[in-house]
């Protein structure tokens, strides 16, 4: 008979083994439950395209040369590049149009998608955070296909079957394309939204040099230089719908800036209100609904009121037939039409109607971001050039880089109408039906002229071809080169500062940026931050004081710096 102590020890070991087995079983069971639950979640939030039961469509694009330029074509649809701008003509029913769009623009769209994925990884460096954000997006927008107009659902489904796929892109093509067209709405409420920066205006009657209705618009999308380089003029012609032209980039089936054959212009400017998120139509597709279905401003407003939207917006609508322009200020709860007090109207990113006067989010945007500064400067310029505004003057207003009363700003200052970030600038003569699009980079290069009359089969008043708008004086200048070099030094400094042991090198690159562009508030703020982190507070305060003198655009940064100076 074994000793009592040995029996007790064996009993404890046996109990411990049973406990560990049960614990291991429980862990495996929980892990399996989590895997099954997550698999069910992914299946439940998977966007499934409608079945394709139509006739066979072309399997590939043909390549030809048209007027000396290579052109890819799919049936009546085609794509080519002239003057540094893609030109796409998309013809047919939604299925044929989406199929051709995917075949023609697939390679460019793939580059844009990969760029956006890298951009998200820059903002969300943690794999765990990206996982959480990705699945939060899946949950919040799980019913997004139900909010799309049926024709757009068919068009995006057809496009998804022809675009390039890649293992590095986690979502299936259809889901990616749906997200892609709702990106404006999905990112608008983020504190660092890349969309809060657009400025636009319209003049006519006594404010225009020739009484023509002229529109100017900057689309400031800080999604990266690629959207400027790959800008496109897209022509959409679908049976039973009003033909229209959109200025965006290949692969974009919605509208951010557009003109229809009815001389109707629309463009979007992101806004913010206290209204909670509601499922609704993506803004880019709402603008397309206007262009394809509305003949005038009244009908355009009716289209807007017919749809529930997800986010607030300020939509500039101009009618070259009237001539007249309005700004529709809308949120998920209300729609307000802001009319001009004279023959001009402007818009930035805050809403001006009294119904939004007490809205905290709208007031925060106005005070803490750059909308108020840009809008005040825009009104000043419209008044200064009133009665003399022609196409070239409109471009000059869009390219303005000074503050109120002509006070100087450093290049790239977000308080300026032109902060050198626009992915496209547009001038439109809605009376003459000519569109001018910035060739890039940003607004410094020439604006290419696109005559809309032959596109929309409008009788030509004369055979004279419209002239391009010349390049800005800043184009190719040493000042612009120094600014871009300073930006590259700032980017390197931030990258070095994010990794331990490189603080000294980060300071060196930041210092170079202040020397290359002495009026860069961004460079001086970074230099102050790096010195403060290194415990060199008095040196940091010197850079902070310079930062405050350079009219920094964001009130939050000014408040943070002022708090440090008071220590």
Protein backbone atom coordinates (compact mmCIF):
# COMPACT_ATOMS: atom_id res chain seq x y z
CA UNK A 1 0.00 0.00 0.00
CA UNK A 2 1.50 3.37 -1.07
CA UNK A 3 2.08 6.05 1.54
CA UNK A 4 -0.81 8.52 2.14
CA UNK A 5 1.31 11.50 0.92
CA UNK A 6 2.00 9.71 -2.39
CA UNK A 7 -1.69 8.95 -2.90
CA UNK A 8 -2.60 12.59 -2.18
CA UNK A 9 0.08 13.84 -4.62
CA UNK A 10 -1.12 11.51 -7.37
CA UNK A 11 -4.69 12.63 -6.77
CA UNK A 12 -3.70 16.31 -7.08
CA UNK A 13 -1.81 15.66 -10.29
CA UNK A 14 -4.78 13.77 -11.74
CA UNK A 15 -7.13 16.63 -10.83
CA UNK A 16 -4.71 19.14 -12.36
CA UNK A 17 -4.52 17.11 -15.58
CA UNK A 18 -8.32 16.90 -15.75
CA UNK A 19 -8.58 20.66 -15.09
CA UNK A 20 -6.04 21.45 -17.83
CA UNK A 21 -7.83 19.15 -20.28
CA UNK A 22 -11.15 20.86 -19.51
CA UNK A 23 -9.54 24.29 -19.85
CA UNK A 24 -7.97 23.36 -23.17
CA UNK A 25 -11.29 21.98 -24.36
CA UNK A 26 -13.07 25.17 -23.29
CA UNK A 27 -10.46 27.34 -25.07
CA UNK A 28 -10.78 25.30 -28.26
CA UNK A 29 -14.57 25.43 -28.02
CA UNK A 30 -14.57 29.22 -27.50
CA UNK A 31 -12.09 29.64 -30.35
CA UNK A 32 -14.29 27.54 -32.66
CA UNK A 33 -17.35 29.54 -31.63
CA UNK A 34 -15.52 32.78 -32.40
CA UNK A 35 -14.39 31.48 -35.79
CA UNK A 36 -17.90 30.29 -36.64
CA UNK A 37 -19.43 33.56 -35.42
CA UNK A 38 -16.97 35.64 -37.41
CA UNK A 39 -17.51 33.47 -40.50
CA UNK A 40 -21.27 33.95 -40.10
CA UNK A 41 -20.72 37.72 -39.65
CA UNK A 42 -18.62 37.88 -42.85
CA UNK A 43 -21.25 35.94 -44.77
CA UNK A 44 -24.08 38.07 -43.38
CA UNK A 45 -22.32 41.34 -44.29
CA UNK A 46 -21.11 40.13 -47.69
CA UNK A 47 -22.54 42.20 -50.55
CA UNK A 48 -23.74 39.84 -53.27
CA UNK A 49 -24.18 41.29 -56.77
CA UNK A 50 -27.38 40.60 -58.67
CA UNK A 51 -27.20 37.67 -61.07
CA UNK A 52 -26.04 38.42 -64.59
CA UNK A 53 -28.63 36.95 -66.95
CA UNK A 54 -28.19 39.23 -69.95
CA UNK A 55 -26.79 38.48 -73.41
CA UNK A 56 -23.09 37.97 -73.96
CA UNK A 57 -20.91 41.08 -73.86
CA UNK A 58 -17.44 41.69 -75.37
CA UNK A 59 -14.75 39.80 -73.47
CA UNK A 60 -11.98 42.32 -74.14
CA UNK A 61 -11.24 45.81 -75.40
CA UNK A 62 -10.05 46.62 -78.89
CA UNK A 63 -7.16 49.04 -79.48
CA UNK A 64 -7.08 51.58 -82.30
CA UNK A 65 -5.58 54.98 -83.09
CA UNK A 66 -7.93 57.95 -83.30
CA UNK A 67 -6.60 61.36 -84.37
CA UNK A 68 -3.10 60.20 -83.53
CA UNK A 69 -3.97 59.01 -80.01
CA UNK A 70 -4.25 55.36 -78.87
CA UNK A 71 -7.86 54.50 -77.99
CA UNK A 72 -9.31 51.43 -76.30
CA UNK A 73 -12.88 50.58 -77.22
CA UNK A 74 -15.61 48.19 -76.12
CA UNK A 75 -18.54 48.44 -78.50
CA UNK A 76 -19.53 52.12 -78.66
CA UNK A 77 -17.65 52.93 -75.43
CA UNK A 78 -14.03 54.06 -75.52
CA UNK A 79 -11.17 55.47 -73.42
CA UNK A 80 -8.16 57.57 -74.40
CA UNK A 81 -5.81 60.13 -72.86
CA UNK A 82 -5.39 63.66 -74.24
CA UNK A 83 -3.69 66.68 -72.68
CA UNK A 84 -2.87 64.58 -69.62
CA UNK A 85 -6.57 63.85 -68.95
CA UNK A 86 -8.39 60.56 -69.47
CA UNK A 87 -11.46 60.78 -71.70
CA UNK A 88 -14.08 58.02 -71.36
CA UNK A 89 -17.29 57.67 -73.34
CA UNK A 90 -19.67 55.12 -71.83
CA UNK A 91 -22.71 54.19 -73.91
CA UNK A 92 -25.57 51.77 -73.42
CA UNK A 93 -27.83 50.37 -70.74
CA UNK A 94 -26.45 50.11 -67.17
CA UNK A 95 -25.18 46.57 -67.67
CA UNK A 96 -23.34 47.34 -70.91
CA UNK A 97 -22.02 50.61 -69.49
CA UNK A 98 -20.66 49.00 -66.31
CA UNK A 99 -19.11 46.13 -68.27
CA UNK A 100 -17.33 48.51 -70.66
CA UNK A 101 -16.24 50.77 -67.80
CA UNK A 102 -14.59 47.86 -66.00
CA UNK A 103 -12.81 46.59 -69.11
CA UNK A 104 -11.56 50.03 -70.13
CA UNK A 105 -10.61 51.45 -66.73
CA UNK A 106 -9.71 48.26 -64.88
CA UNK A 107 -5.95 48.83 -64.77
CA UNK A 108 -6.25 52.44 -63.57
CA UNK A 109 -8.92 51.47 -61.04
CA UNK A 110 -6.64 48.73 -59.67
CA UNK A 111 -3.85 51.27 -59.13
CA UNK A 112 -6.25 53.62 -57.36
CA UNK A 113 -7.51 50.79 -55.15
CA UNK A 114 -4.01 49.72 -54.16
CA UNK A 115 -3.14 53.33 -53.40
CA UNK A 116 -6.20 53.72 -51.16
CA UNK A 117 -5.30 50.53 -49.31
CA UNK A 118 -1.77 51.82 -48.67
CA UNK A 119 -3.25 55.13 -47.54
CA UNK A 120 -5.48 53.35 -45.02
CA UNK A 121 -2.45 51.44 -43.71
CA UNK A 122 -0.69 54.79 -43.23
CA UNK A 123 -3.58 56.15 -41.16
CA UNK A 124 -4.18 52.86 -39.33
CA UNK A 125 -0.73 51.41 -38.67
CA UNK A 126 -2.02 48.75 -36.28
CA UNK A 127 -3.27 45.54 -37.91
CA UNK A 128 -5.73 45.11 -35.05
CA UNK A 129 -7.16 48.62 -35.57
CA UNK A 130 -7.52 48.00 -39.31
CA UNK A 131 -9.34 44.76 -38.51
CA UNK A 132 -11.77 46.58 -36.20
CA UNK A 133 -12.36 49.45 -38.65
CA UNK A 134 -12.88 47.09 -41.58
CA UNK A 135 -15.52 45.11 -39.73
CA UNK A 136 -17.17 48.21 -38.28
CA UNK A 137 -17.56 49.48 -41.86
CA UNK A 138 -18.97 46.10 -42.91
CA UNK A 139 -21.58 46.30 -40.16
CA UNK A 140 -22.62 49.93 -40.59
CA UNK A 141 -22.90 49.76 -44.37
CA UNK A 142 -24.15 46.17 -44.67
CA UNK A 143 -27.42 47.31 -46.31
CA UNK A 144 -25.81 49.83 -48.67
CA UNK A 145 -26.76 47.91 -51.87
CA UNK A 146 -30.42 48.28 -50.86
CA UNK A 147 -30.01 52.07 -50.97
CA UNK A 148 -28.58 52.14 -54.50
CA UNK A 149 -30.85 52.96 -57.45
CA UNK A 150 -31.57 49.65 -59.25
CA UNK A 151 -29.78 50.81 -62.41
CA UNK A 152 -26.62 51.62 -60.43
CA UNK A 153 -26.73 48.22 -58.75
CA UNK A 154 -26.75 46.53 -62.15
CA UNK A 155 -24.00 48.84 -63.43
CA UNK A 156 -21.69 48.23 -60.46
CA UNK A 157 -22.32 44.49 -60.62
CA UNK A 158 -21.33 44.44 -64.30
CA UNK A 159 -18.24 46.52 -63.55
CA UNK A 160 -17.22 44.19 -60.72
CA UNK A 161 -17.15 41.22 -63.09
CA UNK A 162 -14.52 42.86 -65.30
CA UNK A 163 -12.24 44.81 -62.93
CA UNK A 164 -8.91 43.34 -61.92
CA UNK A 165 -8.83 41.45 -58.63
CA UNK A 166 -5.90 40.88 -56.30
CA UNK A 167 -5.26 38.76 -53.17
CA UNK A 168 -3.93 41.86 -51.37
CA UNK A 169 -7.42 43.42 -51.53
CA UNK A 170 -9.43 41.70 -48.80
CA UNK A 171 -12.93 42.36 -50.07
CA UNK A 172 -14.57 40.84 -53.14
CA UNK A 173 -14.73 43.10 -56.24
CA UNK A 174 -18.43 43.99 -55.95
CA UNK A 175 -18.14 44.95 -52.29
CA UNK A 176 -15.02 47.03 -52.99
CA UNK A 177 -16.72 48.90 -55.83
CA UNK A 178 -19.80 49.65 -53.73
CA UNK A 179 -17.58 50.99 -50.93
CA UNK A 180 -15.54 52.93 -53.50
CA UNK A 181 -18.64 54.84 -54.61
CA UNK A 182 -19.71 55.56 -51.04
CA UNK A 183 -16.24 56.63 -49.87
CA UNK A 184 -17.33 60.27 -49.69
CA UNK A 185 -20.13 59.38 -47.26
CA UNK A 186 -18.09 56.83 -45.29
CA UNK A 187 -15.22 59.20 -44.46
CA UNK A 188 -17.04 62.50 -44.13
CA UNK A 189 -17.56 62.34 -40.37
CA UNK A 190 -13.92 61.49 -39.59
CA UNK A 191 -11.94 64.23 -37.82
CA UNK A 192 -9.22 64.01 -40.46
CA UNK A 193 -11.61 63.70 -43.40
CA UNK A 194 -9.78 64.34 -46.69
CA UNK A 195 -12.90 65.97 -48.16
CA UNK A 196 -13.48 69.11 -46.08
CA UNK A 197 -11.83 71.66 -48.34
CA UNK A 198 -13.78 72.30 -51.57
CA UNK A 199 -14.79 75.77 -52.79
CA UNK A 200 -17.17 76.72 -55.64
CA UNK A 201 -19.10 79.67 -57.07
CA UNK A 202 -21.39 80.70 -59.92
CA UNK A 203 -21.89 84.14 -61.56
CA UNK A 204 -24.33 85.33 -64.21
CA UNK A 205 -26.19 88.43 -65.35
CA UNK A 206 -24.61 91.66 -64.11
CA UNK A 207 -21.76 89.83 -62.34
CA UNK A 208 -20.53 88.10 -65.50
CA UNK A 209 -18.46 89.90 -68.14
CA UNK A 210 -20.73 88.68 -70.94
CA UNK A 211 -23.87 87.82 -68.92
CA UNK A 212 -22.97 84.15 -69.39
CA UNK A 213 -23.50 81.77 -66.47
CA UNK A 214 -19.98 80.80 -65.38
CA UNK A 215 -19.17 78.26 -62.68
CA UNK A 216 -15.82 77.73 -60.94
CA UNK A 217 -15.04 74.80 -58.68
CA UNK A 218 -12.07 73.29 -56.80
CA UNK A 219 -12.35 69.65 -55.71
CA UNK A 220 -9.91 69.41 -52.81
CA UNK A 221 -9.55 65.71 -52.08
CA UNK A 222 -6.46 64.89 -50.02
CA UNK A 223 -6.41 61.29 -51.17
CA UNK A 224 -3.03 61.63 -52.84
CA UNK A 225 -1.41 62.92 -56.01
CA UNK A 226 -2.64 59.90 -57.98
CA UNK A 227 -6.19 61.30 -58.16
CA UNK A 228 -4.82 64.48 -59.71
CA UNK A 229 -2.62 62.58 -62.15
CA UNK A 230 -5.40 60.16 -63.19
CA UNK A 231 -8.23 62.67 -63.53
CA UNK A 232 -10.83 61.96 -66.18
CA UNK A 233 -13.66 63.49 -68.15
CA UNK A 234 -16.35 60.82 -68.41
CA UNK A 235 -19.26 61.00 -70.86
CA UNK A 236 -22.35 58.95 -69.91
CA UNK A 237 -25.03 58.24 -72.53
CA UNK A 238 -27.75 55.81 -71.49
CA UNK A 239 -31.06 55.18 -73.34
CA UNK A 240 -33.96 57.16 -71.86
CA UNK A 241 -31.66 59.26 -69.67
CA UNK A 242 -30.23 62.75 -70.08
CA UNK A 243 -26.58 62.52 -71.26
CA UNK A 244 -24.03 64.11 -68.95
CA UNK A 245 -20.31 64.69 -68.45
CA UNK A 246 -18.57 64.00 -65.13
CA UNK A 247 -15.13 65.19 -64.01
CA UNK A 248 -13.58 62.61 -61.68
CA UNK A 249 -11.27 59.64 -62.39
CA UNK A 250 -11.56 56.32 -64.26
CA UNK A 251 -13.75 53.82 -62.46
CA UNK A 252 -15.99 56.48 -60.89
CA UNK A 253 -19.60 55.85 -61.94
CA UNK A 254 -20.95 58.53 -59.60
CA UNK A 255 -20.62 62.31 -59.86
CA UNK A 256 -18.66 64.82 -57.81
CA UNK A 257 -18.65 67.50 -60.54
CA UNK A 258 -20.88 67.25 -63.60
CA UNK A 259 -22.78 68.96 -66.43
CA UNK A 260 -25.78 67.58 -68.33
CA UNK A 261 -27.09 68.15 -71.84
CA UNK A 262 -29.84 70.29 -70.24
CA UNK A 263 -27.16 72.89 -69.29
CA UNK A 264 -27.50 71.80 -65.67
CA UNK A 265 -24.38 71.80 -63.45
CA UNK A 266 -23.96 70.06 -60.07
CA UNK A 267 -21.08 69.65 -57.62
CA UNK A 268 -20.78 68.50 -54.01
CA UNK A 269 -19.15 70.14 -51.01
CA UNK A 270 -18.90 68.05 -47.84
CA UNK A 271 -20.55 69.49 -44.70
CA UNK A 272 -21.31 68.44 -41.12
CA UNK A 273 -24.38 68.63 -38.89
CA UNK A 274 -25.55 67.09 -35.63
CA UNK A 275 -27.95 64.80 -37.49
CA UNK A 276 -27.22 61.13 -36.80
CA UNK A 277 -26.21 58.75 -39.55
CA UNK A 278 -29.06 57.23 -41.54
CA UNK A 279 -28.91 54.64 -44.30
CA UNK A 280 -29.29 56.41 -47.62
CA UNK A 281 -28.13 56.91 -51.17
CA UNK A 282 -24.42 57.70 -51.63
CA UNK A 283 -23.99 61.39 -52.49
CA UNK A 284 -22.15 60.65 -55.75
CA UNK A 285 -25.17 58.69 -57.00
CA UNK A 286 -27.62 61.38 -55.84
CA UNK A 287 -25.81 63.88 -58.06
CA UNK A 288 -25.96 61.41 -60.95
CA UNK A 289 -29.70 61.02 -60.40
CA UNK A 290 -30.02 64.80 -60.75
CA UNK A 291 -28.05 65.00 -64.00
CA UNK A 292 -29.81 62.03 -65.63
CA UNK A 293 -33.34 63.07 -64.70
CA UNK A 294 -33.67 66.82 -64.00
CA UNK A 295 -34.27 69.52 -66.62
CA UNK A 296 -33.94 72.52 -64.30
CA UNK A 297 -33.23 73.56 -60.72
CA UNK A 298 -36.81 72.88 -59.56
CA UNK A 299 -36.67 69.30 -60.82
CA UNK A 300 -33.17 68.88 -59.35
CA UNK A 301 -34.44 69.87 -55.90
CA UNK A 302 -37.34 67.44 -56.32
CA UNK A 303 -34.87 64.62 -57.04
CA UNK A 304 -32.93 65.50 -53.88
CA UNK A 305 -36.08 65.55 -51.73
CA UNK A 306 -37.06 62.15 -53.10
CA UNK A 307 -33.98 60.44 -51.60
CA UNK A 308 -32.76 59.84 -48.06
CA UNK A 309 -29.08 60.78 -47.67
CA UNK A 310 -26.44 59.49 -45.25
CA UNK A 311 -24.46 62.68 -44.68
CA UNK A 312 -24.85 66.48 -44.82
CA UNK A 313 -23.85 68.26 -48.02
CA UNK A 314 -23.85 71.60 -49.80
CA UNK A 315 -24.73 71.04 -53.47
CA UNK A 316 -24.18 73.81 -56.00
CA UNK A 317 -26.74 73.59 -58.81
CA UNK A 318 -26.57 75.97 -61.79
CA UNK A 319 -28.95 76.18 -64.75
CA UNK A 320 -27.53 77.81 -67.88
CA UNK A 321 -31.02 78.17 -69.38
CA UNK A 322 -32.45 80.30 -66.55
CA UNK A 323 -29.72 81.55 -65.88
CA UNK A 324 -29.59 80.95 -62.13
CA UNK A 325 -27.69 79.03 -59.46
CA UNK A 326 -28.58 77.88 -55.93
CA UNK A 327 -26.92 75.98 -53.12
CA UNK A 328 -28.96 73.12 -51.67
CA UNK A 329 -27.99 72.66 -48.02
CA UNK A 330 -29.13 69.26 -46.86
CA UNK A 331 -28.67 66.84 -44.02
CA UNK A 332 -30.20 63.44 -43.24
CA UNK A 333 -33.17 65.33 -41.72
CA UNK A 334 -33.81 68.39 -43.89
CA UNK A 335 -33.32 70.09 -47.26
CA UNK A 336 -32.94 73.87 -47.61
CA UNK A 337 -32.50 75.83 -50.86
CA UNK A 338 -30.18 78.84 -50.41
CA UNK A 339 -30.78 81.34 -53.19
CA UNK A 340 -28.50 84.12 -54.39
CA UNK A 341 -29.11 87.69 -53.25
CA UNK A 342 -27.76 88.99 -56.55
CA UNK A 343 -26.23 87.43 -59.62
CA UNK A 344 -23.59 85.37 -57.84
CA UNK A 345 -23.41 82.67 -55.18
CA UNK A 346 -20.56 80.89 -53.41
CA UNK A 347 -20.13 77.82 -51.25
CA UNK A 348 -17.43 76.30 -49.06
CA UNK A 349 -18.17 73.59 -46.47
CA UNK A 350 -20.34 75.16 -43.79
CA UNK A 351 -24.11 75.60 -44.12
CA UNK A 352 -25.47 79.16 -43.92
CA UNK A 353 -29.24 78.86 -43.62
CA UNK A 354 -30.75 79.86 -40.26
CA UNK A 355 -31.99 76.30 -39.77
CA UNK A 356 -28.35 75.28 -39.21
CA UNK A 357 -27.38 78.33 -37.14
CA UNK A 358 -27.57 76.46 -33.82
CA UNK A 359 -26.03 73.24 -35.17
CA UNK A 360 -22.91 72.51 -33.09
CA UNK A 361 -21.17 70.35 -35.71
CA UNK A 362 -21.72 72.94 -38.43
CA UNK A 363 -20.38 75.70 -36.18
CA UNK A 364 -17.40 73.55 -35.15
CA UNK A 365 -16.51 72.99 -38.81
CA UNK A 366 -16.80 76.71 -39.47
CA UNK A 367 -14.58 77.70 -36.53
CA UNK A 368 -12.04 74.89 -36.33
CA UNK A 369 -11.45 74.13 -40.02
CA UNK A 370 -10.87 76.40 -43.02
CA UNK A 371 -14.35 76.80 -44.51
CA UNK A 372 -15.05 80.25 -43.05
CA UNK A 373 -11.69 81.67 -44.21
CA UNK A 374 -12.11 80.38 -47.76
CA UNK A 375 -15.73 81.51 -48.03
CA UNK A 376 -14.96 85.04 -46.79
CA UNK A 377 -12.10 85.36 -49.29
CA UNK A 378 -14.30 83.99 -52.10
CA UNK A 379 -17.03 86.58 -51.45
CA UNK A 380 -14.41 89.33 -51.37
CA UNK A 381 -13.03 88.28 -54.77
CA UNK A 382 -16.50 87.90 -56.31
CA UNK A 383 -17.30 91.44 -55.20
CA UNK A 384 -13.96 92.82 -56.40
CA UNK A 385 -14.29 91.37 -59.90
CA UNK A 386 -18.08 91.69 -60.11
CA UNK A 387 -19.22 92.55 -63.63
CA UNK A 388 -15.85 91.52 -65.09
CA UNK A 389 -15.79 87.78 -64.40
CA UNK A 390 -15.03 85.75 -67.49
CA UNK A 391 -13.55 82.26 -67.82
CA UNK A 392 -9.96 83.35 -67.16
CA UNK A 393 -11.00 85.48 -64.18
CA UNK A 394 -12.92 82.51 -62.77
CA UNK A 395 -9.74 80.41 -63.00
CA UNK A 396 -7.78 83.22 -61.33
CA UNK A 397 -10.24 83.17 -58.41
CA UNK A 398 -9.88 79.39 -58.09
CA UNK A 399 -6.09 79.83 -58.03
CA UNK A 400 -6.11 82.50 -55.33
CA UNK A 401 -3.56 81.73 -52.59
CA UNK A 402 -3.84 84.78 -50.32
CA UNK A 403 -5.95 85.49 -47.26
CA UNK A 404 -8.62 88.13 -46.71
CA UNK A 405 -7.55 91.61 -47.88
CA UNK A 406 -4.68 90.03 -49.85
CA UNK A 407 -2.69 89.12 -46.75
CA UNK A 408 0.06 86.65 -47.74
CA UNK A 409 -0.14 82.94 -46.95
CA UNK A 410 2.55 80.31 -47.30
CA UNK A 411 2.06 77.93 -50.22
CA UNK A 412 -0.15 75.03 -49.23
CA UNK A 413 -1.90 76.90 -46.41
CA UNK A 414 -5.40 75.39 -46.16
CA UNK A 415 -6.92 78.83 -45.51
CA UNK A 416 -6.37 79.64 -49.20
CA UNK A 417 -8.93 78.89 -51.90
CA UNK A 418 -6.08 77.15 -53.73
CA UNK A 419 -4.12 75.15 -51.16
CA UNK A 420 -2.32 73.21 -53.92
CA UNK A 421 -4.28 70.05 -53.11
CA UNK A 422 -7.12 70.13 -55.69
CA UNK A 423 -7.41 66.90 -57.67
CA UNK A 424 -9.38 68.87 -60.22
CA UNK A 425 -10.39 72.43 -60.84
CA UNK A 426 -13.24 73.18 -63.23
CA UNK A 427 -14.54 76.26 -65.01
CA UNK A 428 -17.78 75.93 -67.00
CA UNK A 429 -19.51 78.40 -69.31
CA UNK A 430 -23.04 77.01 -69.17
CA UNK A 431 -24.26 79.49 -71.75
CA UNK A 432 -21.61 78.57 -74.31
CA UNK A 433 -21.46 74.96 -73.03
CA UNK A 434 -17.69 74.71 -72.74
CA UNK A 435 -15.91 72.97 -69.87
CA UNK A 436 -12.33 73.68 -68.78
CA UNK A 437 -10.51 71.08 -66.63
CA UNK A 438 -7.18 71.56 -64.84
CA UNK A 439 -4.47 69.41 -66.39
CA UNK A 440 -2.35 69.41 -63.23
CA UNK A 441 -0.37 69.37 -61.20
CA UNK A 442 -3.30 70.65 -59.15
CA UNK A 443 -4.35 74.03 -60.55
CA UNK A 444 -0.94 75.31 -61.64
CA UNK A 445 -0.97 73.85 -65.15
CA UNK A 446 -3.24 74.88 -68.04
CA UNK A 447 -6.97 74.14 -68.04
CA UNK A 448 -7.87 72.00 -71.07
CA UNK A 449 -10.99 73.06 -72.99
CA UNK A 450 -13.72 70.49 -73.64
CA UNK A 451 -16.45 71.68 -76.01
CA UNK A 452 -19.68 70.07 -74.77
CA UNK A 453 -21.80 71.08 -77.77
CA UNK A 454 -20.71 68.28 -80.11
CA UNK A 455 -20.85 65.79 -77.23
CA UNK A 456 -24.49 66.67 -76.53
CA UNK A 457 -25.41 67.35 -80.19
CA UNK A 458 -26.06 71.04 -79.46
CA UNK A 459 -25.93 73.17 -82.65
CA UNK A 460 -22.59 75.00 -82.98
CA UNK A 461 -22.76 78.80 -82.89
CA UNK A 462 -19.38 78.91 -84.65
CA UNK A 463 -16.69 76.49 -85.78
CA UNK A 464 -14.04 78.19 -83.63
CA UNK A 465 -12.45 75.85 -81.11
CA UNK A 466 -12.41 77.07 -77.47
CA UNK A 467 -8.98 78.06 -76.19
CA UNK A 468 -7.38 76.49 -73.09
CA UNK A 469 -6.85 78.59 -69.97
CA UNK A 470 -3.10 79.30 -69.67
CA UNK A 471 -0.94 77.88 -66.87
CA UNK A 472 -0.61 79.80 -63.62
CA UNK A 473 2.48 81.95 -63.02
CA UNK A 474 3.43 79.52 -60.23
CA UNK A 475 3.75 76.62 -62.66
CA UNK A 476 7.37 75.46 -62.91
CA UNK A 477 8.62 78.21 -60.57
CA UNK A 478 11.44 77.88 -58.05
CA UNK A 479 8.95 78.82 -55.32
CA UNK A 480 6.76 75.83 -56.15
CA UNK A 481 9.76 73.49 -56.31
CA UNK A 482 10.91 74.67 -52.87
CA UNK A 483 7.41 74.10 -51.48
CA UNK A 484 7.26 70.54 -52.80
CA UNK A 485 10.75 69.81 -51.55
CA UNK A 486 9.77 71.14 -48.11
CA UNK A 487 6.75 68.82 -48.10
CA UNK A 488 8.98 65.84 -48.86
CA UNK A 489 11.31 66.79 -45.99
CA UNK A 490 8.34 67.09 -43.63
CA UNK A 491 7.10 63.63 -44.68
CA UNK A 492 10.53 62.08 -43.99
CA UNK A 493 10.80 63.89 -40.65
CA UNK A 494 7.44 62.50 -39.52
CA UNK A 495 8.36 59.00 -40.61
CA UNK A 496 11.64 59.17 -38.69
CA UNK A 497 9.97 60.64 -35.60
CA UNK A 498 7.59 57.67 -35.51
CA UNK A 499 10.49 55.24 -34.99
CA UNK A 500 12.66 55.20 -31.88
CA UNK A 501 16.27 56.26 -32.12
CA UNK A 502 15.81 58.59 -35.08
CA UNK A 503 14.78 61.76 -33.25
CA UNK A 504 17.97 63.61 -34.22
CA UNK A 505 17.57 62.81 -37.90
CA UNK A 506 13.90 63.81 -37.76
CA UNK A 507 14.92 67.21 -36.38
CA UNK A 508 17.42 67.65 -39.19
CA UNK A 509 14.81 67.01 -41.89
CA UNK A 510 12.26 69.28 -40.18
CA UNK A 511 14.87 72.05 -39.94
CA UNK A 512 15.59 71.68 -43.65
CA UNK A 513 11.88 72.17 -44.37
CA UNK A 514 11.81 75.46 -42.41
CA UNK A 515 14.81 76.68 -44.43
CA UNK A 516 13.36 75.61 -47.77
CA UNK A 517 10.00 77.24 -47.07
CA UNK A 518 10.31 79.80 -44.25
CA UNK A 519 6.61 80.69 -44.47
CA UNK A 520 5.45 77.09 -43.95
CA UNK A 521 3.40 76.96 -40.76
CA UNK A 522 3.46 73.15 -41.05
CA UNK A 523 7.28 72.98 -40.97
CA UNK A 524 7.58 75.30 -37.96
CA UNK A 525 4.89 73.42 -36.05
CA UNK A 526 6.67 70.10 -36.68
CA UNK A 527 10.02 71.57 -35.63
CA UNK A 528 8.44 72.88 -32.42
CA UNK A 529 6.81 69.51 -31.67
CA UNK A 530 10.06 67.60 -32.16
CA UNK A 531 12.04 69.99 -29.99
CA UNK A 532 9.38 69.89 -27.27
CA UNK A 533 9.45 66.08 -27.29
CA UNK A 534 13.24 66.26 -26.89
CA UNK A 535 12.86 68.47 -23.80
CA UNK A 536 14.23 71.58 -25.55
CA UNK A 537 11.20 73.65 -24.63
CA UNK A 538 12.61 77.16 -25.04
CA UNK A 539 13.86 76.38 -28.55
CA UNK A 540 10.47 74.84 -29.35
CA UNK A 541 8.66 77.98 -28.23
CA UNK A 542 10.58 80.04 -30.77
CA UNK A 543 9.28 77.86 -33.60
CA UNK A 544 5.79 77.86 -32.09
CA UNK A 545 5.69 81.67 -32.05
CA UNK A 546 6.67 81.72 -35.72
CA UNK A 547 3.98 79.12 -36.41
CA UNK A 548 1.30 81.38 -34.91
CA UNK A 549 2.45 84.33 -37.05
CA UNK A 550 2.02 82.30 -40.26
CA UNK A 551 -1.81 82.16 -40.09
CA UNK A 552 -2.16 78.42 -39.32
CA UNK A 553 -5.47 77.15 -40.67
CA UNK A 554 -6.73 74.91 -37.87
CA UNK A 555 -7.92 76.39 -34.59
CA UNK A 556 -7.25 73.16 -32.67
CA UNK A 557 -3.52 73.35 -33.46
CA UNK A 558 -3.40 77.03 -32.50
CA UNK A 559 -5.05 76.29 -29.16
CA UNK A 560 -2.60 73.45 -28.46
CA UNK A 561 0.41 75.65 -29.25
CA UNK A 562 -0.89 78.58 -27.21
CA UNK A 563 -1.35 76.23 -24.23
CA UNK A 564 2.29 75.09 -24.52
CA UNK A 565 3.55 78.69 -24.76
CA UNK A 566 1.77 79.54 -21.51
CA UNK A 567 3.61 76.83 -19.56
